[in-house]
Protein backbone atom coordinates (compact mmCIF):
# COMPACT_ATOMS: atom_id res chain seq x y z
CA MET A 1 88.87 89.48 147.95
CA GLN A 2 87.43 86.13 148.72
CA GLY A 3 87.99 82.30 146.94
CA ILE A 4 91.20 81.49 145.82
CA PHE A 5 93.04 85.07 145.38
CA GLY A 6 91.38 86.12 148.62
CA VAL A 7 91.70 85.30 152.35
CA LYS A 8 91.81 81.50 151.93
CA ALA A 9 94.93 82.05 149.55
CA GLN A 10 96.56 83.80 152.06
CA THR A 11 95.78 81.77 154.73
CA LYS A 12 97.16 79.03 152.78
CA ALA A 13 100.10 80.68 152.08
CA GLN A 14 101.06 81.75 155.97
CA SER A 15 100.46 77.99 157.11
CA ASP A 16 102.50 76.66 154.02
CA PRO A 17 106.00 75.72 155.35
CA LYS A 18 107.52 76.28 151.98
CA PRO A 19 108.60 79.90 151.41
CA VAL A 20 106.13 81.82 149.21
CA ARG A 21 108.64 82.79 146.37
CA GLU A 22 109.55 79.27 146.05
CA ARG A 23 106.14 77.85 145.61
CA ILE A 24 105.24 80.62 142.94
CA MET A 25 108.90 79.51 141.25
CA ARG A 26 107.53 75.89 141.42
CA ALA A 27 104.26 76.68 140.16
CA ALA A 28 105.62 79.11 136.82
CA MET A 29 107.78 76.18 136.09
CA GLN A 30 105.37 73.39 136.24
CA ALA A 31 103.16 75.99 133.81
CA PHE A 32 105.73 77.03 131.70
CA MET A 33 106.29 73.06 130.82
CA GLU A 34 103.23 72.15 130.75
CA LEU A 35 101.30 75.34 128.34
CA GLY A 36 104.60 76.71 126.90
CA TYR A 37 105.90 80.21 127.69
CA ALA A 38 103.63 82.13 125.74
CA GLU A 39 100.44 80.75 127.10
CA ALA A 40 100.97 80.57 130.50
CA SER A 41 99.42 83.56 132.02
CA THR A 42 100.39 85.18 135.39
CA LEU A 43 96.72 83.90 136.39
CA GLU A 44 97.31 80.81 135.75
CA ILE A 45 100.44 80.50 137.74
CA ALA A 46 99.02 82.96 140.69
CA THR A 47 96.20 80.33 140.77
CA ARG A 48 98.61 76.87 140.79
CA ALA A 49 101.04 78.77 143.68
CA GLN A 50 97.99 79.49 145.05
CA VAL A 51 98.57 83.42 146.01
CA SER A 52 97.03 86.88 145.12
CA LYS A 53 98.21 87.84 141.10
CA ARG A 54 99.52 91.21 143.88
CA GLU A 55 101.54 89.37 146.19
CA LEU A 56 102.92 87.59 143.14
CA TYR A 57 104.06 90.67 141.01
CA ALA A 58 105.31 91.88 144.30
CA LEU A 59 107.72 89.61 145.00
CA PHE A 60 108.64 89.12 140.98
CA GLY A 61 107.23 92.21 138.40
CA SER A 62 106.96 89.55 135.69
CA LYS A 63 106.29 86.68 133.67
CA GLN A 64 109.80 86.89 132.25
CA ALA A 65 110.98 87.58 136.10
CA MET A 66 110.26 84.16 137.37
CA LEU A 67 111.59 82.17 134.40
CA ALA A 68 114.62 84.12 135.39
CA ALA A 69 114.61 84.01 139.04
CA CYS A 70 114.26 80.04 138.03
CA VAL A 71 117.43 79.96 136.23
CA THR A 72 119.07 82.18 138.11
CA ASP A 73 119.18 79.79 141.18
CA ARG A 74 120.56 76.72 139.06
CA ALA A 75 123.57 79.09 137.59
CA GLN A 76 123.97 80.53 141.71
CA ARG A 77 124.37 76.94 142.58
CA MET A 78 127.12 76.42 140.01
CA ARG A 79 128.52 79.45 140.94
CA MET A 80 129.02 78.61 144.19
CA THR A 81 131.67 76.10 143.20
CA ALA A 82 133.85 79.34 142.73
CA ASP A 83 134.58 78.77 146.47
CA LEU A 84 136.56 75.80 145.71
CA PRO A 85 140.61 76.15 147.05
CA ARG A 86 142.90 77.73 144.84
CA ALA A 87 145.16 74.75 142.94
CA ARG A 88 148.48 74.94 144.10
CA SER A 89 149.75 71.97 141.57
CA ARG A 90 148.12 70.69 138.27
CA GLU A 91 146.77 67.69 140.31
CA MET A 92 144.72 70.15 142.45
CA LEU A 93 143.71 71.78 139.24
CA ALA A 94 142.88 68.69 137.60
CA MET A 95 140.62 68.14 140.79
CA VAL A 96 138.97 71.48 140.69
CA LEU A 97 138.17 71.14 137.25
CA SER A 98 136.71 67.58 138.13
CA LYS A 99 134.45 69.20 140.59
CA LEU A 100 133.32 71.94 138.85
CA GLY A 101 132.57 69.93 135.52
CA ALA A 102 130.24 67.52 138.02
CA THR A 103 128.67 70.36 139.40
CA ILE A 104 127.96 71.46 135.62
CA LEU A 105 126.66 68.23 134.45
CA ARG A 106 124.32 67.88 137.71
CA GLU A 107 122.71 71.45 137.63
CA VAL A 108 122.30 71.89 133.61
CA THR A 109 120.60 68.17 133.57
CA ASP A 110 118.11 68.56 136.32
CA PRO A 111 114.91 68.36 134.75
CA VAL A 112 114.04 72.13 135.23
CA VAL A 113 117.07 73.32 133.50
CA ILE A 114 116.66 70.91 130.33
CA GLY A 115 112.96 72.01 130.46
CA VAL A 116 114.14 75.52 129.75
CA PHE A 117 116.30 74.37 126.99
CA ARG A 118 113.33 72.68 125.11
CA LEU A 119 111.45 75.93 126.02
CA ALA A 120 113.82 78.16 124.48
CA ILE A 121 114.15 76.09 121.18
CA THR A 122 110.00 76.00 121.26
CA GLU A 123 109.52 79.32 121.85
CA ALA A 124 112.46 81.05 119.70
CA GLN A 125 110.08 83.50 117.92
CA ARG A 126 106.67 83.93 120.17
CA ALA A 127 109.15 84.47 123.15
CA PRO A 128 112.72 85.20 122.39
CA GLU A 129 113.41 86.38 126.24
CA VAL A 130 113.65 82.60 127.05
CA ALA A 131 116.55 82.26 125.12
CA ARG A 132 118.06 85.37 126.35
CA THR A 133 117.82 84.35 129.95
CA LEU A 134 118.92 80.91 129.37
CA GLU A 135 122.48 82.36 127.81
CA THR A 136 122.64 84.76 130.80
CA ALA A 137 122.91 81.81 133.26
CA ARG A 138 125.01 79.75 130.46
CA GLU A 139 127.29 82.97 130.43
CA ALA A 140 127.47 82.76 134.04
CA VAL A 141 129.08 79.10 133.97
CA ARG A 142 131.28 80.06 131.26
CA ALA A 143 132.97 83.34 133.48
CA THR A 144 133.53 80.79 136.22
CA LEU A 145 135.77 78.67 134.03
CA CYS A 146 136.99 81.50 132.97
CA ASN A 147 138.52 82.43 136.07
CA VAL A 148 139.39 79.01 137.28
CA VAL A 149 141.86 78.87 134.01
CA THR A 150 142.77 82.55 134.42
CA GLN A 151 144.11 81.64 137.81
CA ALA A 152 145.90 78.68 137.08
CA GLN A 153 147.87 80.57 134.41
CA VAL A 154 148.83 83.34 136.78
CA ASP A 155 150.21 80.24 139.04
CA GLY A 156 152.31 79.20 136.22
CA LEU A 157 149.70 75.55 135.99
CA LEU A 158 148.49 76.16 132.55
CA ALA A 159 150.14 77.66 129.66
CA ALA A 160 149.54 80.96 127.81
CA GLY A 161 146.18 80.98 126.01
CA ASP A 162 142.72 83.00 125.26
CA PRO A 163 140.79 81.34 128.62
CA ALA A 164 137.31 81.91 127.29
CA GLU A 165 138.62 79.50 124.50
CA ILE A 166 140.25 77.16 127.03
CA ALA A 167 137.24 77.06 129.04
CA GLY A 168 134.97 76.60 125.87
CA ARG A 169 137.10 73.68 124.92
CA TYR A 170 136.80 71.81 128.51
CA LEU A 171 132.93 72.52 128.22
CA GLY A 172 133.12 70.93 124.87
CA LEU A 173 135.38 67.84 126.32
CA LEU A 174 132.97 67.48 129.26
CA TRP A 175 129.52 67.65 127.09
CA GLY A 176 130.40 65.74 124.12
CA ASP A 177 127.10 64.63 122.23
CA LEU A 178 125.59 64.54 125.76
CA MET A 179 123.18 67.49 125.92
CA VAL A 180 122.05 66.63 122.34
CA GLY A 181 120.96 63.40 123.30
CA VAL A 182 119.44 64.36 126.62
CA LEU A 183 117.04 66.95 124.98
CA LEU A 184 115.79 64.99 122.20
CA ARG A 185 114.95 62.10 125.07
CA ILE A 186 116.94 59.67 123.73
CA ARG A 187 119.26 59.13 126.56
CA GLU A 188 118.70 59.69 130.03
CA ALA A 189 120.92 62.41 132.22
CA PRO A 190 124.09 61.23 133.60
CA GLY A 191 123.85 59.59 137.20
CA PRO A 192 126.35 60.91 139.71
CA GLN A 193 129.10 58.32 138.96
CA GLU A 194 128.68 58.98 135.00
CA ALA A 195 128.85 62.46 135.61
CA GLU A 196 132.10 62.53 137.91
CA ARG A 197 133.88 60.45 135.30
CA ARG A 198 133.07 62.63 132.59
CA ALA A 199 134.34 65.69 134.81
CA ARG A 200 137.70 64.00 135.29
CA ASP A 201 138.02 62.48 131.70
CA ALA A 202 137.54 66.06 130.71
CA ALA A 203 140.04 67.81 133.14
CA THR A 204 142.77 65.14 131.86
CA ASP A 205 142.05 65.67 128.30
CA LEU A 206 142.57 69.14 128.89
CA LEU A 207 145.43 69.35 130.70
CA ARG A 208 146.99 67.52 127.69
CA LEU A 209 146.00 69.85 125.48
CA TYR A 210 147.68 72.60 127.76
CA PRO A 211 150.67 71.39 129.39
CA GLU A 212 152.59 73.20 132.09
CA PRO A 213 154.52 76.21 130.74
CA PRO A 214 158.17 75.79 130.77
CA ALA A 215 160.28 77.00 133.52
CA ALA A 216 161.76 80.30 132.86
CA THR A 217 165.43 80.77 132.70
């Protein structure tokens, strides 16, 4: 084939230093944001990415897979914080929670992720798969927090309680009404300093709510 889906497109893809997969993901999110998920066709995405539809389908298989890849990429960045050192004290636990919380704030309020949240709201009836994809990423965040809480309980740093409930309480302290404001465009996403401050305050408040268990007699 000639033209945008033929030799020229392939030559462009080969000479572009950015990976083709990354280019397609970026083009997909731009199309989703501008046109809506339901109206953004794979042809439109392939055109923006300067690849053939065959190449697009070979890498992703479907439009939903492209969206899932974009969301999963963000969730993976948060999951990487699970490699933090194991907390050996309450002070270290506060540090782990603070670092994890700041990462969550930074990644979730990224313009791409906020765009996906808005897509999930506006496309709820026409494209419920957007919300399902987003929920999968949110579950990954909660699972990471639950692991931190469970380990702290095993190590005697937190009183007994449902790890999922404690993780949910931490997220509530971390976010407050921030997400609503960002989604409604009535406030800016937090910068690095505000994210770190909010995360520290949330960790401090959580540890006040869940004290160290009494020593065994």
